[in-house]
Amino acid sequence: IAGQISMLDNVWTLILLYTAMNLPIAVWMMRSFLQEIPREVLEASQVDGATLRQTMVQVLLPMVAPGLAATALICVIFSWNEFFFSVNLTASTSATVPLFLVGFMTSEGLFWAQMAAAATLASLPVVLAGWAAQKQLVRGLSMGAIK
């Protein structure tokens, strides 16, 4: 389909496919986080005279922040590690990190040292994002575990 509509080797094709792949898991995770919010808190903000926008930004967003962090990081990891679509739909213009790593496998052999260094650098952004969001992740991933 991407070839018929001239969307091969286009970053927007990958964005569309990654969004379609991650949307179900994001909706499912966020649904469970949103169900954990007590309805009484939202009713109390309405009684206090908060507008819908104020309720969303000042009440709901701080309570859902751990779930947003966990969902965002999982979606980023799934997209960052995706190989199938990028190998079949891209060539050089919009190649992803996994395709870059495959470049170290040549007909002359495997360049293990370069591949190991590149794989370390490729995993660094996701590891740093997980480290930065560690507090939110632990709260977000364990939020629905205890009732």
C-alpha atoms as a PDB file:
ATOM      1  CA  ILE A   1       0.000   0.000   0.000  1.00  0.00           C
ATOM      2  CA  ALA A   2       2.823   2.420   0.866  1.00  0.00           C
ATOM      3  CA  GLY A   3       4.399   1.831  -2.529  1.00  0.00           C
ATOM      4  CA  GLN A   4       1.137   2.440  -4.379  1.00  0.00           C
ATOM      5  CA  ILE A   5       0.612   5.816  -2.718  1.00  0.00           C
ATOM      6  CA  SER A   6       4.299   6.831  -3.070  1.00  0.00           C
ATOM      7  CA  MET A   7       5.019   6.788   0.648  1.00  0.00           C
ATOM      8  CA  LEU A   8       8.058   4.479   0.660  1.00  0.00           C
ATOM      9  CA  ASP A   9      11.160   5.813   2.407  1.00  0.00           C
ATOM     10  CA  ASN A  10       9.109   8.515   4.105  1.00  0.00           C
ATOM     11  CA  VAL A  11       9.272   9.317   7.789  1.00  0.00           C
ATOM     12  CA  TRP A  12       5.528  10.125   7.879  1.00  0.00           C
ATOM     13  CA  THR A  13       4.696   6.558   6.897  1.00  0.00           C
ATOM     14  CA  LEU A  14       6.632   5.279   9.902  1.00  0.00           C
ATOM     15  CA  ILE A  15       5.011   7.861  12.190  1.00  0.00           C
ATOM     16  CA  LEU A  16       1.570   6.754  11.032  1.00  0.00           C
ATOM     17  CA  LEU A  17       2.364   3.053  11.470  1.00  0.00           C
ATOM     18  CA  TYR A  18       4.026   3.498  14.875  1.00  0.00           C
ATOM     19  CA  THR A  19       1.062   5.542  16.070  1.00  0.00           C
ATOM     20  CA  ALA A  20      -1.352   2.865  14.859  1.00  0.00           C
ATOM     21  CA  MET A  21       0.700   0.164  16.601  1.00  0.00           C
ATOM     22  CA  ASN A  22       1.075   2.003  19.921  1.00  0.00           C
ATOM     23  CA  LEU A  23      -2.372   3.560  20.178  1.00  0.00           C
ATOM     24  CA  PRO A  24      -4.159   0.427  21.484  1.00  0.00           C
ATOM     25  CA  ILE A  25      -1.629  -0.185  24.261  1.00  0.00           C
ATOM     26  CA  ALA A  26      -1.609   3.524  25.168  1.00  0.00           C
ATOM     27  CA  VAL A  27      -5.400   3.680  25.381  1.00  0.00           C
ATOM     28  CA  TRP A  28      -5.519   0.468  27.408  1.00  0.00           C
ATOM     29  CA  MET A  29      -2.864   1.667  29.860  1.00  0.00           C
ATOM     30  CA  MET A  30      -4.292   5.171  30.230  1.00  0.00           C
ATOM     31  CA  ARG A  31      -7.787   3.750  30.745  1.00  0.00           C
ATOM     32  CA  SER A  32      -6.593   1.784  33.747  1.00  0.00           C
ATOM     33  CA  PHE A  33      -4.845   4.850  35.179  1.00  0.00           C
ATOM     34  CA  LEU A  34      -7.889   7.050  34.666  1.00  0.00           C
ATOM     35  CA  GLN A  35     -10.171   4.499  36.329  1.00  0.00           C
ATOM     36  CA  GLU A  36      -8.046   4.753  39.490  1.00  0.00           C
ATOM     37  CA  ILE A  37      -8.950   8.426  39.982  1.00  0.00           C
ATOM     38  CA  PRO A  38     -11.706   8.801  42.578  1.00  0.00           C
ATOM     39  CA  ARG A  39     -14.808  10.459  41.166  1.00  0.00           C
ATOM     40  CA  GLU A  40     -15.143  12.418  44.426  1.00  0.00           C
ATOM     41  CA  VAL A  41     -11.993  14.420  43.615  1.00  0.00           C
ATOM     42  CA  LEU A  42     -13.487  15.606  40.312  1.00  0.00           C
ATOM     43  CA  GLU A  43     -16.785  16.406  42.003  1.00  0.00           C
ATOM     44  CA  ALA A  44     -14.965  18.372  44.709  1.00  0.00           C
ATOM     45  CA  SER A  45     -13.206  20.487  42.098  1.00  0.00           C
ATOM     46  CA  GLN A  46     -16.561  21.265  40.485  1.00  0.00           C
ATOM     47  CA  VAL A  47     -18.026  22.214  43.864  1.00  0.00           C
ATOM     48  CA  ASP A  48     -15.043  24.520  44.443  1.00  0.00           C
ATOM     49  CA  GLY A  49     -15.928  26.303  41.196  1.00  0.00           C
ATOM     50  CA  ALA A  50     -13.140  25.041  38.948  1.00  0.00           C
ATOM     51  CA  THR A  51     -13.734  25.140  35.214  1.00  0.00           C
ATOM     52  CA  LEU A  52     -13.241  22.035  33.101  1.00  0.00           C
ATOM     53  CA  ARG A  53      -9.828  23.300  31.982  1.00  0.00           C
ATOM     54  CA  GLN A  54      -8.751  24.004  35.562  1.00  0.00           C
ATOM     55  CA  THR A  55      -9.939  20.576  36.651  1.00  0.00           C
ATOM     56  CA  MET A  56      -7.989  18.921  33.833  1.00  0.00           C
ATOM     57  CA  VAL A  57      -4.752  20.862  34.383  1.00  0.00           C
ATOM     58  CA  GLN A  58      -4.675  21.345  38.157  1.00  0.00           C
ATOM     59  CA  VAL A  59      -6.414  18.201  39.420  1.00  0.00           C
ATOM     60  CA  LEU A  60      -6.426  15.465  36.807  1.00  0.00           C
ATOM     61  CA  LEU A  61      -3.002  15.969  35.193  1.00  0.00           C
ATOM     62  CA  PRO A  62      -0.959  15.712  38.437  1.00  0.00           C
ATOM     63  CA  MET A  63      -2.835  12.544  39.385  1.00  0.00           C
ATOM     64  CA  VAL A  64      -2.343  10.941  35.971  1.00  0.00           C
ATOM     65  CA  ALA A  65       1.289  12.081  35.457  1.00  0.00           C
ATOM     66  CA  PRO A  66       2.820   8.738  36.533  1.00  0.00           C
ATOM     67  CA  GLY A  67       0.558   6.883  34.111  1.00  0.00           C
ATOM     68  CA  LEU A  68       1.409   9.295  31.315  1.00  0.00           C
ATOM     69  CA  ALA A  69       5.116   8.817  31.975  1.00  0.00           C
ATOM     70  CA  ALA A  70       4.836   5.031  31.984  1.00  0.00           C
ATOM     71  CA  THR A  71       2.677   4.975  28.854  1.00  0.00           C
ATOM     72  CA  ALA A  72       4.906   7.400  26.987  1.00  0.00           C
ATOM     73  CA  LEU A  73       8.075   5.489  27.823  1.00  0.00           C
ATOM     74  CA  ILE A  74       6.600   2.145  26.790  1.00  0.00           C
ATOM     75  CA  CYS A  75       5.399   3.601  23.485  1.00  0.00           C
ATOM     76  CA  VAL A  76       8.819   5.177  22.864  1.00  0.00           C
ATOM     77  CA  ILE A  77      10.562   1.878  23.576  1.00  0.00           C
ATOM     78  CA  PHE A  78       8.226  -0.026  21.253  1.00  0.00           C
ATOM     79  CA  SER A  79       8.797   2.501  18.457  1.00  0.00           C
ATOM     80  CA  TRP A  80      12.537   2.786  19.088  1.00  0.00           C
ATOM     81  CA  ASN A  81      13.070  -0.972  18.804  1.00  0.00           C
ATOM     82  CA  GLU A  82      10.724  -1.614  15.883  1.00  0.00           C
ATOM     83  CA  PHE A  83      12.530  -3.257  12.970  1.00  0.00           C
ATOM     84  CA  PHE A  84      10.019  -4.896  10.623  1.00  0.00           C
ATOM     85  CA  PHE A  85       8.339  -1.805   9.178  1.00  0.00           C
ATOM     86  CA  SER A  86      11.532   0.208   8.983  1.00  0.00           C
ATOM     87  CA  VAL A  87      13.406  -2.489   7.079  1.00  0.00           C
ATOM     88  CA  ASN A  88      10.560  -3.000   4.621  1.00  0.00           C
ATOM     89  CA  LEU A  89       9.431   0.598   4.093  1.00  0.00           C
ATOM     90  CA  THR A  90      12.632   2.653   4.248  1.00  0.00           C
ATOM     91  CA  ALA A  91      15.923   2.782   2.440  1.00  0.00           C
ATOM     92  CA  SER A  92      18.182   5.673   3.307  1.00  0.00           C
ATOM     93  CA  THR A  93      16.164   8.834   3.862  1.00  0.00           C
ATOM     94  CA  SER A  94      14.189   7.714   6.919  1.00  0.00           C
ATOM     95  CA  ALA A  95      16.194   4.751   8.198  1.00  0.00           C
ATOM     96  CA  THR A  96      15.832   4.064  11.914  1.00  0.00           C
ATOM     97  CA  VAL A  97      18.352   3.016  14.564  1.00  0.00           C
ATOM     98  CA  PRO A  98      17.828  -0.759  14.137  1.00  0.00           C
ATOM     99  CA  LEU A  99      18.554  -0.390  10.413  1.00  0.00           C
ATOM    100  CA  PHE A 100      21.713   1.523  11.248  1.00  0.00           C
ATOM    101  CA  LEU A 101      22.829  -1.364  13.457  1.00  0.00           C
ATOM    102  CA  VAL A 102      22.182  -3.886  10.687  1.00  0.00           C
ATOM    103  CA  GLY A 103      24.675  -1.926   8.577  1.00  0.00           C
ATOM    104  CA  PHE A 104      27.488  -3.470  10.612  1.00  0.00           C
ATOM    105  CA  MET A 105      26.651  -6.878   9.103  1.00  0.00           C
ATOM    106  CA  THR A 106      28.402  -6.980   5.749  1.00  0.00           C
ATOM    107  CA  SER A 107      29.479  -9.654   3.320  1.00  0.00           C
ATOM    108  CA  GLU A 108      32.990  -9.274   4.741  1.00  0.00           C
ATOM    109  CA  GLY A 109      31.758 -10.317   8.191  1.00  0.00           C
ATOM    110  CA  LEU A 110      30.462  -8.833  11.388  1.00  0.00           C
ATOM    111  CA  PHE A 111      32.176  -5.846  12.916  1.00  0.00           C
ATOM    112  CA  TRP A 112      31.531  -6.765  16.542  1.00  0.00           C
ATOM    113  CA  ALA A 113      33.372  -3.900  18.208  1.00  0.00           C
ATOM    114  CA  GLN A 114      31.675  -1.212  16.121  1.00  0.00           C
ATOM    115  CA  MET A 115      28.295  -2.925  16.462  1.00  0.00           C
ATOM    116  CA  ALA A 116      28.637  -3.142  20.234  1.00  0.00           C
ATOM    117  CA  ALA A 117      29.607   0.529  20.474  1.00  0.00           C
ATOM    118  CA  ALA A 118      26.741   1.592  18.196  1.00  0.00           C
ATOM    119  CA  ALA A 119      24.240  -0.581  20.097  1.00  0.00           C
ATOM    120  CA  THR A 120      25.365   0.989  23.376  1.00  0.00           C
ATOM    121  CA  LEU A 121      24.901   4.480  21.944  1.00  0.00           C
ATOM    122  CA  ALA A 122      21.561   3.476  20.396  1.00  0.00           C
ATOM    123  CA  SER A 123      20.192   2.223  23.700  1.00  0.00           C
ATOM    124  CA  LEU A 124      21.445   5.247  25.644  1.00  0.00           C
ATOM    125  CA  PRO A 125      18.473   7.605  24.932  1.00  0.00           C
ATOM    126  CA  VAL A 126      15.895   5.076  26.118  1.00  0.00           C
ATOM    127  CA  VAL A 127      17.939   4.165  29.190  1.00  0.00           C
ATOM    128  CA  LEU A 128      18.385   7.842  30.098  1.00  0.00           C
ATOM    129  CA  ALA A 129      14.665   8.515  29.592  1.00  0.00           C
ATOM    130  CA  GLY A 130      13.810   5.570  31.852  1.00  0.00           C
ATOM    131  CA  TRP A 131      16.304   6.732  34.450  1.00  0.00           C
ATOM    132  CA  ALA A 132      14.948  10.286  34.396  1.00  0.00           C
ATOM    133  CA  ALA A 133      11.345   9.082  34.722  1.00  0.00           C
ATOM    134  CA  GLN A 134      12.094   6.292  37.193  1.00  0.00           C
ATOM    135  CA  LYS A 135      10.059   7.735  40.064  1.00  0.00           C
ATOM    136  CA  GLN A 136       7.034   8.332  37.843  1.00  0.00           C
ATOM    137  CA  LEU A 137       7.431   4.912  36.208  1.00  0.00           C
ATOM    138  CA  VAL A 138       7.415   2.992  39.469  1.00  0.00           C
ATOM    139  CA  ARG A 139       4.296   4.840  40.631  1.00  0.00           C
ATOM    140  CA  GLY A 140       2.653   4.523  37.225  1.00  0.00           C
ATOM    141  CA  LEU A 141       3.327   0.865  36.623  1.00  0.00           C
ATOM    142  CA  SER A 142       2.270  -0.166  40.140  1.00  0.00           C
ATOM    143  CA  MET A 143      -0.750   2.146  40.386  1.00  0.00           C
ATOM    144  CA  GLY A 144      -3.312  -0.477  39.421  1.00  0.00           C
ATOM    145  CA  ALA A 145      -1.686  -3.329  41.337  1.00  0.00           C
ATOM    146  CA  ILE A 146      -3.236  -2.633  44.732  1.00  0.00           C
ATOM    147  CA  LYS A 147      -6.946  -1.941  45.195  1.00  0.00           C
END
